[in-house]
PDB file of all heavy atoms in Angstrom:
ATOM      1  N   ARG A   1       0.828  -1.199   0.000  1.00  0.00           N
ATOM      2  CA  ARG A   1       0.000   0.000   0.000  1.00  0.00           C
ATOM      3  C   ARG A   1       0.867   1.255   0.000  1.00  0.00           C
ATOM      4  O   ARG A   1       1.847   1.362   0.719  1.00  0.00           O
ATOM      5  CB  ARG A   1      -0.904   0.017   1.243  1.00  0.00           C
ATOM      6  CG  ARG A   1      -1.803   1.253   1.313  1.00  0.00           C
ATOM      7  CD  ARG A   1      -2.701   1.207   2.532  1.00  0.00           C
ATOM      8  NE  ARG A   1      -3.566   0.042   2.467  1.00  0.00           N
ATOM      9  CZ  ARG A   1      -4.725   0.018   1.805  1.00  0.00           C
ATOM     10  NH1 ARG A   1      -5.116   1.108   1.153  1.00  0.00           N
ATOM     11  NH2 ARG A   1      -5.469  -1.053   1.801  1.00  0.00           N
ATOM     12  N   GLU A   2       0.471   2.208  -0.831  1.00  0.00           N
ATOM     13  CA  GLU A   2       1.201   3.473  -0.905  1.00  0.00           C
ATOM     14  C   GLU A   2       0.959   4.284   0.361  1.00  0.00           C
ATOM     15  O   GLU A   2      -0.162   4.389   0.858  1.00  0.00           O
ATOM     16  CB  GLU A   2       0.725   4.274  -2.119  1.00  0.00           C
ATOM     17  CG  GLU A   2       1.432   5.623  -2.262  1.00  0.00           C
ATOM     18  CD  GLU A   2       0.859   6.435  -3.394  1.00  0.00           C
ATOM     19  OE1 GLU A   2      -0.120   5.966  -4.024  1.00  0.00           O
ATOM     20  OE2 GLU A   2       1.382   7.520  -3.647  1.00  0.00           O
ATOM     21  N   ARG A   3       1.997   4.819   0.946  1.00  0.00           N
ATOM     22  CA  ARG A   3       1.886   5.691   2.100  1.00  0.00           C
ATOM     23  C   ARG A   3       1.631   7.117   1.619  1.00  0.00           C
ATOM     24  O   ARG A   3       2.317   7.612   0.734  1.00  0.00           O
ATOM     25  CB  ARG A   3       3.160   5.659   2.948  1.00  0.00           C
ATOM     26  CG  ARG A   3       3.486   4.273   3.477  1.00  0.00           C
ATOM     27  CD  ARG A   3       2.394   3.756   4.421  1.00  0.00           C
ATOM     28  NE  ARG A   3       2.693   2.424   4.917  1.00  0.00           N
ATOM     29  CZ  ARG A   3       3.358   2.190   6.044  1.00  0.00           C
ATOM     30  NH1 ARG A   3       3.802   3.208   6.753  1.00  0.00           N
ATOM     31  NH2 ARG A   3       3.595   0.967   6.440  1.00  0.00           N
ATOM     32  N   VAL A   4       0.637   7.760   2.200  1.00  0.00           N
ATOM     33  CA  VAL A   4       0.283   9.109   1.756  1.00  0.00           C
ATOM     34  C   VAL A   4       0.208  10.044   2.970  1.00  0.00           C
ATOM     35  O   VAL A   4      -0.845  10.507   3.366  1.00  0.00           O
ATOM     36  CB  VAL A   4      -1.072   9.101   0.995  1.00  0.00           C
ATOM     37  CG1 VAL A   4      -0.902   8.573  -0.403  1.00  0.00           C
ATOM     38  CG2 VAL A   4      -2.095   8.260   1.751  1.00  0.00           C
ATOM     39  N   PRO A   5       1.337  10.321   3.607  1.00  0.00           N
ATOM     40  CA  PRO A   5       1.310  11.111   4.833  1.00  0.00           C
ATOM     41  C   PRO A   5       0.742  12.505   4.650  1.00  0.00           C
ATOM     42  O   PRO A   5       0.119  13.037   5.559  1.00  0.00           O
ATOM     43  CB  PRO A   5       2.779  11.140   5.267  1.00  0.00           C
ATOM     44  CG  PRO A   5       3.552  10.895   4.003  1.00  0.00           C
ATOM     45  CD  PRO A   5       2.715   9.955   3.208  1.00  0.00           C
ATOM     46  N   PHE A   6       0.952  13.137   3.512  1.00  0.00           N
ATOM     47  CA  PHE A   6       0.452  14.504   3.367  1.00  0.00           C
ATOM     48  C   PHE A   6      -1.062  14.518   3.213  1.00  0.00           C
ATOM     49  O   PHE A   6      -1.725  15.428   3.659  1.00  0.00           O
ATOM     50  CB  PHE A   6       1.136  15.187   2.179  1.00  0.00           C
ATOM     51  CG  PHE A   6       2.576  15.471   2.431  1.00  0.00           C
ATOM     52  CD1 PHE A   6       3.570  14.679   1.878  1.00  0.00           C
ATOM     53  CD2 PHE A   6       2.943  16.516   3.262  1.00  0.00           C
ATOM     54  CE1 PHE A   6       4.905  14.940   2.142  1.00  0.00           C
ATOM     55  CE2 PHE A   6       4.282  16.776   3.514  1.00  0.00           C
ATOM     56  CZ  PHE A   6       5.265  15.982   2.960  1.00  0.00           C
ATOM     57  N   ARG A   7      -1.635  13.494   2.565  1.00  0.00           N
ATOM     58  CA  ARG A   7      -3.083  13.428   2.455  1.00  0.00           C
ATOM     59  C   ARG A   7      -3.727  13.132   3.805  1.00  0.00           C
ATOM     60  O   ARG A   7      -4.872  13.472   4.036  1.00  0.00           O
ATOM     61  CB  ARG A   7      -3.476  12.353   1.453  1.00  0.00           C
ATOM     62  CG  ARG A   7      -3.069  12.683   0.022  1.00  0.00           C
ATOM     63  CD  ARG A   7      -3.368  11.528  -0.898  1.00  0.00           C
ATOM     64  NE  ARG A   7      -4.800  11.222  -0.934  1.00  0.00           N
ATOM     65  CZ  ARG A   7      -5.288  10.097  -1.454  1.00  0.00           C
ATOM     66  NH1 ARG A   7      -4.465   9.188  -1.947  1.00  0.00           N
ATOM     67  NH2 ARG A   7      -6.589   9.895  -1.482  1.00  0.00           N
ATOM     68  N   ASN A   8      -3.016  12.484   4.712  1.00  0.00           N
ATOM     69  CA  ASN A   8      -3.547  12.211   6.045  1.00  0.00           C
ATOM     70  C   ASN A   8      -3.922  13.486   6.777  1.00  0.00           C
ATOM     71  O   ASN A   8      -4.754  13.483   7.672  1.00  0.00           O
ATOM     72  CB  ASN A   8      -2.508  11.445   6.882  1.00  0.00           C
ATOM     73  CG  ASN A   8      -2.374  10.017   6.413  1.00  0.00           C
ATOM     74  OD1 ASN A   8      -3.090   9.582   5.522  1.00  0.00           O
ATOM     75  ND2 ASN A   8      -1.441   9.300   7.014  1.00  0.00           N
ATOM     76  N   ARG A   9      -3.279  14.559   6.403  1.00  0.00           N
ATOM     77  CA  ARG A   9      -3.542  15.828   7.066  1.00  0.00           C
ATOM     78  C   ARG A   9      -5.015  16.223   6.948  1.00  0.00           C
ATOM     79  O   ARG A   9      -5.569  16.921   7.769  1.00  0.00           O
ATOM     80  CB  ARG A   9      -2.647  16.908   6.481  1.00  0.00           C
ATOM     81  CG  ARG A   9      -2.691  18.227   7.236  1.00  0.00           C
ATOM     82  CD  ARG A   9      -1.713  19.225   6.643  1.00  0.00           C
ATOM     83  NE  ARG A   9      -0.368  18.679   6.634  1.00  0.00           N
ATOM     84  CZ  ARG A   9       0.612  19.172   5.881  1.00  0.00           C
ATOM     85  NH1 ARG A   9       0.365  20.179   5.068  1.00  0.00           N
ATOM     86  NH2 ARG A   9       1.814  18.653   5.919  1.00  0.00           N
ATOM     87  N   GLY A  10      -5.673  15.736   5.884  1.00  0.00           N
ATOM     88  CA  GLY A  10      -7.077  16.073   5.702  1.00  0.00           C
ATOM     89  C   GLY A  10      -7.940  15.576   6.847  1.00  0.00           C
ATOM     90  O   GLY A  10      -8.900  16.238   7.248  1.00  0.00           O
ATOM     91  N   LEU A  11      -7.636  14.402   7.413  1.00  0.00           N
ATOM     92  CA  LEU A  11      -8.397  13.894   8.542  1.00  0.00           C
ATOM     93  C   LEU A  11      -8.255  14.800   9.753  1.00  0.00           C
ATOM     94  O   LEU A  11      -9.234  15.149  10.413  1.00  0.00           O
ATOM     95  CB  LEU A  11      -7.918  12.478   8.898  1.00  0.00           C
ATOM     96  CG  LEU A  11      -8.497  11.873  10.186  1.00  0.00           C
ATOM     97  CD1 LEU A  11     -10.003  11.757  10.080  1.00  0.00           C
ATOM     98  CD2 LEU A  11      -7.867  10.518  10.469  1.00  0.00           C
ATOM     99  N   VAL A  12      -7.022  15.201  10.034  1.00  0.00           N
ATOM    100  CA  VAL A  12      -6.797  16.068  11.181  1.00  0.00           C
ATOM    101  C   VAL A  12      -7.486  17.411  10.993  1.00  0.00           C
ATOM    102  O   VAL A  12      -8.075  17.970  11.922  1.00  0.00           O
ATOM    103  CB  VAL A  12      -5.286  16.254  11.427  1.00  0.00           C
ATOM    104  CG1 VAL A  12      -5.045  17.183  12.599  1.00  0.00           C
ATOM    105  CG2 VAL A  12      -4.634  14.908  11.665  1.00  0.00           C
ATOM    106  N   GLU A  13      -7.430  17.941   9.783  1.00  0.00           N
ATOM    107  CA  GLU A  13      -8.089  19.223   9.525  1.00  0.00           C
ATOM    108  C   GLU A  13      -9.594  19.102   9.717  1.00  0.00           C
ATOM    109  O   GLU A  13     -10.245  19.999  10.247  1.00  0.00           O
ATOM    110  CB  GLU A  13      -7.755  19.697   8.110  1.00  0.00           C
ATOM    111  CG  GLU A  13      -6.302  20.106   7.946  1.00  0.00           C
ATOM    112  CD  GLU A  13      -5.956  20.417   6.501  1.00  0.00           C
ATOM    113  OE1 GLU A  13      -6.774  20.115   5.610  1.00  0.00           O
ATOM    114  OE2 GLU A  13      -4.869  20.954   6.279  1.00  0.00           O
ATOM    115  N   TRP A  14     -10.150  17.958   9.292  1.00  0.00           N
ATOM    116  CA  TRP A  14     -11.585  17.751   9.482  1.00  0.00           C
ATOM    117  C   TRP A  14     -11.936  17.716  10.962  1.00  0.00           C
ATOM    118  O   TRP A  14     -12.908  18.315  11.415  1.00  0.00           O
ATOM    119  CB  TRP A  14     -11.986  16.441   8.804  1.00  0.00           C
ATOM    120  CG  TRP A  14     -13.484  16.235   8.759  1.00  0.00           C
ATOM    121  CD1 TRP A  14     -14.325  16.573   7.757  1.00  0.00           C
ATOM    122  CD2 TRP A  14     -14.293  15.651   9.774  1.00  0.00           C
ATOM    123  NE1 TRP A  14     -15.612  16.229   8.085  1.00  0.00           N
ATOM    124  CE2 TRP A  14     -15.620  15.658   9.329  1.00  0.00           C
ATOM    125  CE3 TRP A  14     -14.027  15.110  11.041  1.00  0.00           C
ATOM    126  CZ2 TRP A  14     -16.678  15.162  10.059  1.00  0.00           C
ATOM    127  CZ3 TRP A  14     -15.082  14.619  11.790  1.00  0.00           C
ATOM    128  CH2 TRP A  14     -16.385  14.644  11.293  1.00  0.00           C
ATOM    129  N   LEU A  15     -11.113  17.010  11.739  1.00  0.00           N
ATOM    130  CA  LEU A  15     -11.359  16.922  13.172  1.00  0.00           C
ATOM    131  C   LEU A  15     -11.227  18.278  13.851  1.00  0.00           C
ATOM    132  O   LEU A  15     -12.039  18.659  14.697  1.00  0.00           O
ATOM    133  CB  LEU A  15     -10.380  15.928  13.817  1.00  0.00           C
ATOM    134  CG  LEU A  15     -10.572  14.452  13.453  1.00  0.00           C
ATOM    135  CD1 LEU A  15      -9.419  13.644  14.006  1.00  0.00           C
ATOM    136  CD2 LEU A  15     -11.884  13.942  13.989  1.00  0.00           C
ATOM    137  N   LEU A  16     -10.209  19.033  13.471  1.00  0.00           N
ATOM    138  CA  LEU A  16      -9.958  20.307  14.134  1.00  0.00           C
ATOM    139  C   LEU A  16     -11.021  21.350  13.822  1.00  0.00           C
ATOM    140  O   LEU A  16     -11.121  22.353  14.510  1.00  0.00           O
ATOM    141  CB  LEU A  16      -8.573  20.833  13.743  1.00  0.00           C
ATOM    142  CG  LEU A  16      -7.396  20.029  14.303  1.00  0.00           C
ATOM    143  CD1 LEU A  16      -6.087  20.628  13.832  1.00  0.00           C
ATOM    144  CD2 LEU A  16      -7.444  19.990  15.814  1.00  0.00           C
ATOM    145  N   ALA A  17     -11.818  21.105  12.812  1.00  0.00           N
ATOM    146  CA  ALA A  17     -12.915  22.020  12.546  1.00  0.00           C
ATOM    147  C   ALA A  17     -13.963  21.960  13.645  1.00  0.00           C
ATOM    148  O   ALA A  17     -14.755  22.884  13.830  1.00  0.00           O
ATOM    149  CB  ALA A  17     -13.572  21.680  11.205  1.00  0.00           C
ATOM    150  N   PHE A  18     -13.933  20.862  14.431  1.00  0.00           N
ATOM    151  CA  PHE A  18     -14.941  20.683  15.466  1.00  0.00           C
ATOM    152  C   PHE A  18     -14.350  20.543  16.858  1.00  0.00           C
ATOM    153  O   PHE A  18     -15.056  20.651  17.844  1.00  0.00           O
ATOM    154  CB  PHE A  18     -15.778  19.427  15.181  1.00  0.00           C
ATOM    155  CG  PHE A  18     -16.519  19.511  13.877  1.00  0.00           C
ATOM    156  CD1 PHE A  18     -15.956  18.996  12.719  1.00  0.00           C
ATOM    157  CD2 PHE A  18     -17.754  20.110  13.814  1.00  0.00           C
ATOM    158  CE1 PHE A  18     -16.635  19.069  11.521  1.00  0.00           C
ATOM    159  CE2 PHE A  18     -18.437  20.178  12.619  1.00  0.00           C
ATOM    160  CZ  PHE A  18     -17.885  19.662  11.460  1.00  0.00           C
ATOM    161  N   MET A  19     -13.052  20.305  16.954  1.00  0.00           N
ATOM    162  CA  MET A  19     -12.451  20.020  18.250  1.00  0.00           C
ATOM    163  C   MET A  19     -11.183  20.837  18.448  1.00  0.00           C
ATOM    164  O   MET A  19     -10.761  21.573  17.563  1.00  0.00           O
ATOM    165  CB  MET A  19     -12.158  18.519  18.367  1.00  0.00           C
ATOM    166  CG  MET A  19     -13.444  17.699  18.459  1.00  0.00           C
ATOM    167  SD  MET A  19     -13.170  15.945  18.238  1.00  0.00           S
ATOM    168  CE  MET A  19     -12.961  15.849  16.468  1.00  0.00           C
ATOM    169  N   VAL A  20     -10.597  20.683  19.642  1.00  0.00           N
ATOM    170  CA  VAL A  20      -9.471  21.522  20.045  1.00  0.00           C
ATOM    171  C   VAL A  20      -8.208  20.680  20.144  1.00  0.00           C
ATOM    172  O   VAL A  20      -8.227  19.584  20.711  1.00  0.00           O
ATOM    173  CB  VAL A  20      -9.751  22.186  21.408  1.00  0.00           C
ATOM    174  CG1 VAL A  20      -8.581  23.052  21.823  1.00  0.00           C
ATOM    175  CG2 VAL A  20     -11.029  23.017  21.329  1.00  0.00           C
ATOM    176  N   LEU A  21      -7.129  21.166  19.596  1.00  0.00           N
ATOM    177  CA  LEU A  21      -5.847  20.474  19.674  1.00  0.00           C
ATOM    178  C   LEU A  21      -5.343  20.463  21.110  1.00  0.00           C
ATOM    179  O   LEU A  21      -5.397  21.468  21.813  1.00  0.00           O
ATOM    180  CB  LEU A  21      -4.823  21.168  18.779  1.00  0.00           C
ATOM    181  CG  LEU A  21      -3.448  20.492  18.657  1.00  0.00           C
ATOM    182  CD1 LEU A  21      -3.589  19.170  17.913  1.00  0.00           C
ATOM    183  CD2 LEU A  21      -2.479  21.411  17.933  1.00  0.00           C
ATOM    184  N   VAL A  22      -4.871  19.289  21.551  1.00  0.00           N
ATOM    185  CA  VAL A  22      -4.313  19.157  22.890  1.00  0.00           C
ATOM    186  C   VAL A  22      -2.822  19.448  22.829  1.00  0.00           C
ATOM    187  O   VAL A  22      -2.079  18.788  22.094  1.00  0.00           O
ATOM    188  CB  VAL A  22      -4.550  17.739  23.445  1.00  0.00           C
ATOM    189  CG1 VAL A  22      -3.915  17.589  24.817  1.00  0.00           C
ATOM    190  CG2 VAL A  22      -6.042  17.453  23.520  1.00  0.00           C
ATOM    191  N   ALA A  23      -2.364  20.407  23.586  1.00  0.00           N
ATOM    192  CA  ALA A  23      -0.949  20.771  23.549  1.00  0.00           C
ATOM    193  C   ALA A  23      -0.070  19.663  24.106  1.00  0.00           C
ATOM    194  O   ALA A  23       0.993  19.372  23.587  1.00  0.00           O
ATOM    195  CB  ALA A  23      -0.729  22.058  24.328  1.00  0.00           C
ATOM    196  N   ALA A  24      -0.514  19.039  25.195  1.00  0.00           N
ATOM    197  CA  ALA A  24       0.273  17.970  25.799  1.00  0.00           C
ATOM    198  C   ALA A  24      -0.669  17.075  26.589  1.00  0.00           C
ATOM    199  O   ALA A  24      -1.654  17.538  27.147  1.00  0.00           O
ATOM    200  CB  ALA A  24       1.345  18.538  26.729  1.00  0.00           C
ATOM    201  N   VAL A  25      -0.368  15.783  26.634  1.00  0.00           N
ATOM    202  CA  VAL A  25      -1.163  14.835  27.392  1.00  0.00           C
ATOM    203  C   VAL A  25      -0.312  14.320  28.545  1.00  0.00           C
ATOM    204  O   VAL A  25       0.639  13.576  28.336  1.00  0.00           O
ATOM    205  CB  VAL A  25      -1.613  13.653  26.505  1.00  0.00           C
ATOM    206  CG1 VAL A  25      -2.434  12.669  27.317  1.00  0.00           C
ATOM    207  CG2 VAL A  25      -2.414  14.162  25.314  1.00  0.00           C
ATOM    208  N   PRO A  26      -0.590  14.751  29.782  1.00  0.00           N
ATOM    209  CA  PRO A  26       0.222  14.322  30.919  1.00  0.00           C
ATOM    210  C   PRO A  26       0.033  12.843  31.220  1.00  0.00           C
ATOM    211  O   PRO A  26      -0.909  12.213  30.751  1.00  0.00           O
ATOM    212  CB  PRO A  26      -0.314  15.190  32.073  1.00  0.00           C
ATOM    213  CG  PRO A  26      -1.707  15.533  31.664  1.00  0.00           C
ATOM    214  CD  PRO A  26      -1.675  15.654  30.173  1.00  0.00           C
ATOM    215  N   ALA A  27       0.933  12.300  31.980  1.00  0.00           N
ATOM    216  CA  ALA A  27       0.908  10.883  32.313  1.00  0.00           C
ATOM    217  C   ALA A  27      -0.249  10.584  33.254  1.00  0.00           C
ATOM    218  O   ALA A  27      -0.836  11.460  33.862  1.00  0.00           O
ATOM    219  CB  ALA A  27       2.226  10.487  32.976  1.00  0.00           C
ATOM    220  N   SER A  28      -0.576   9.290  33.336  1.00  0.00           N
ATOM    221  CA  SER A  28      -1.601   8.863  34.269  1.00  0.00           C
ATOM    222  C   SER A  28      -1.172   9.183  35.681  1.00  0.00           C
ATOM    223  O   SER A  28       0.020   9.319  35.969  1.00  0.00           O
ATOM    224  CB  SER A  28      -1.850   7.357  34.115  1.00  0.00           C
ATOM    225  OG  SER A  28      -0.659   6.640  34.386  1.00  0.00           O
ATOM    226  N   GLY A  29      -2.156   9.300  36.593  1.00  0.00           N
ATOM    227  CA  GLY A  29      -1.770   9.721  37.922  1.00  0.00           C
ATOM    228  C   GLY A  29      -2.810   9.422  38.978  1.00  0.00           C
ATOM    229  O   GLY A  29      -3.892   8.932  38.702  1.00  0.00           O
ATOM    230  N   GLN A  30      -2.427   9.712  40.200  1.00  0.00           N
ATOM    231  CA  GLN A  30      -3.303   9.646  41.353  1.00  0.00           C
ATOM    232  C   GLN A  30      -3.072  10.896  42.173  1.00  0.00           C
ATOM    233  O   GLN A  30      -1.958  11.414  42.239  1.00  0.00           O
ATOM    234  CB  GLN A  30      -3.006   8.403  42.205  1.00  0.00           C
ATOM    235  CG  GLN A  30      -3.348   7.072  41.552  1.00  0.00           C
ATOM    236  CD  GLN A  30      -2.277   6.607  40.602  1.00  0.00           C
ATOM    237  OE1 GLN A  30      -1.107   6.923  40.759  1.00  0.00           O
ATOM    238  NE2 GLN A  30      -2.670   5.839  39.609  1.00  0.00           N
ATOM    239  N   GLN A  31      -4.121  11.365  42.800  1.00  0.00           N
ATOM    240  CA  GLN A  31      -3.961  12.482  43.724  1.00  0.00           C
ATOM    241  C   GLN A  31      -4.555  12.075  45.069  1.00  0.00           C
ATOM    242  O   GLN A  31      -5.590  11.421  45.131  1.00  0.00           O
ATOM    243  CB  GLN A  31      -4.608  13.745  43.185  1.00  0.00           C
ATOM    244  CG  GLN A  31      -6.057  13.630  42.785  1.00  0.00           C
ATOM    245  CD  GLN A  31      -6.572  14.921  42.174  1.00  0.00           C
ATOM    246  OE1 GLN A  31      -5.815  15.838  41.890  1.00  0.00           O
ATOM    247  NE2 GLN A  31      -7.875  15.003  42.004  1.00  0.00           N
ATOM    248  N   VAL A  32      -3.856  12.452  46.139  1.00  0.00           N
ATOM    249  CA  VAL A  32      -4.228  12.050  47.488  1.00  0.00           C
ATOM    250  C   VAL A  32      -4.494  13.293  48.326  1.00  0.00           C
ATOM    251  O   VAL A  32      -3.631  14.176  48.418  1.00  0.00           O
ATOM    252  CB  VAL A  32      -3.117  11.206  48.146  1.00  0.00           C
ATOM    253  CG1 VAL A  32      -3.476  10.866  49.578  1.00  0.00           C
ATOM    254  CG2 VAL A  32      -2.883   9.929  47.358  1.00  0.00           C
ATOM    255  N   MET A  33      -5.677  13.361  48.936  1.00  0.00           N
ATOM    256  CA  MET A  33      -5.994  14.426  49.870  1.00  0.00           C
ATOM    257  C   MET A  33      -5.787  13.906  51.286  1.00  0.00           C
ATOM    258  O   MET A  33      -6.407  12.923  51.695  1.00  0.00           O
ATOM    259  CB  MET A  33      -7.447  14.893  49.701  1.00  0.00           C
ATOM    260  CG  MET A  33      -7.781  16.113  50.551  1.00  0.00           C
ATOM    261  SD  MET A  33      -9.488  16.709  50.330  1.00  0.00           S
ATOM    262  CE  MET A  33     -10.379  15.556  51.385  1.00  0.00           C
ATOM    263  N   VAL A  34      -4.892  14.545  52.028  1.00  0.00           N
ATOM    264  CA  VAL A  34      -4.616  14.193  53.416  1.00  0.00           C
ATOM    265  C   VAL A  34      -5.225  15.270  54.295  1.00  0.00           C
ATOM    266  O   VAL A  34      -4.902  16.452  54.158  1.00  0.00           O
ATOM    267  CB  VAL A  34      -3.103  14.089  53.689  1.00  0.00           C
ATOM    268  CG1 VAL A  34      -2.855  13.631  55.114  1.00  0.00           C
ATOM    269  CG2 VAL A  34      -2.456  13.134  52.710  1.00  0.00           C
ATOM    270  N   SER A  35      -6.135  14.867  55.175  1.00  0.00           N
ATOM    271  CA  SER A  35      -6.840  15.832  56.001  1.00  0.00           C
ATOM    272  C   SER A  35      -6.731  15.424  57.461  1.00  0.00           C
ATOM    273  O   SER A  35      -7.020  14.280  57.819  1.00  0.00           O
ATOM    274  CB  SER A  35      -8.312  15.918  55.587  1.00  0.00           C
ATOM    275  OG  SER A  35      -8.938  17.031  56.153  1.00  0.00           O
ATOM    276  N   GLY A  36      -6.285  16.339  58.313  1.00  0.00           N
ATOM    277  CA  GLY A  36      -6.114  16.045  59.726  1.00  0.00           C
ATOM    278  C   GLY A  36      -6.092  17.304  60.555  1.00  0.00           C
ATOM    279  O   GLY A  36      -6.542  18.370  60.133  1.00  0.00           O
ATOM    280  N   SER A  37      -5.539  17.196  61.740  1.00  0.00           N
ATOM    281  CA  SER A  37      -5.580  18.297  62.697  1.00  0.00           C
ATOM    282  C   SER A  37      -4.794  19.516  62.237  1.00  0.00           C
ATOM    283  O   SER A  37      -5.050  20.637  62.682  1.00  0.00           O
ATOM    284  CB  SER A  37      -5.033  17.820  64.051  1.00  0.00           C
ATOM    285  OG  SER A  37      -3.709  17.327  63.901  1.00  0.00           O
ATOM    286  N   THR A  38      -3.833  19.327  61.342  1.00  0.00           N
ATOM    287  CA  THR A  38      -3.014  20.457  60.878  1.00  0.00           C
ATOM    288  C   THR A  38      -3.517  21.063  59.571  1.00  0.00           C
ATOM    289  O   THR A  38      -2.880  21.957  59.026  1.00  0.00           O
ATOM    290  CB  THR A  38      -1.559  20.003  60.692  1.00  0.00           C
ATOM    291  OG1 THR A  38      -1.517  18.930  59.737  1.00  0.00           O
ATOM    292  CG2 THR A  38      -0.961  19.523  62.009  1.00  0.00           C
ATOM    293  N   GLY A  39      -4.645  20.563  59.042  1.00  0.00           N
ATOM    294  CA  GLY A  39      -5.182  21.102  57.801  1.00  0.00           C
ATOM    295  C   GLY A  39      -5.292  20.030  56.736  1.00  0.00           C
ATOM    296  O   GLY A  39      -5.251  18.828  57.025  1.00  0.00           O
ATOM    297  N   THR A  40      -5.430  20.466  55.494  1.00  0.00           N
ATOM    298  CA  THR A  40      -5.647  19.545  54.374  1.00  0.00           C
ATOM    299  C   THR A  40      -4.684  19.877  53.244  1.00  0.00           C
ATOM    300  O   THR A  40      -4.487  21.049  52.907  1.00  0.00           O
ATOM    301  CB  THR A  40      -7.096  19.638  53.877  1.00  0.00           C
ATOM    302  OG1 THR A  40      -7.989  19.339  54.958  1.00  0.00           O
ATOM    303  CG2 THR A  40      -7.351  18.666  52.741  1.00  0.00           C
TER     304      THR A  40
END
């Protein structure tokens, strides 16, 4: 199959007409809230 990287741009352009480009996608994570006598 012929690779057509420049034509692929059409898909992204179609998507961006309706959505917003993400500048960066941070890693998965967890956040912990610790609450006690000294605060949170």
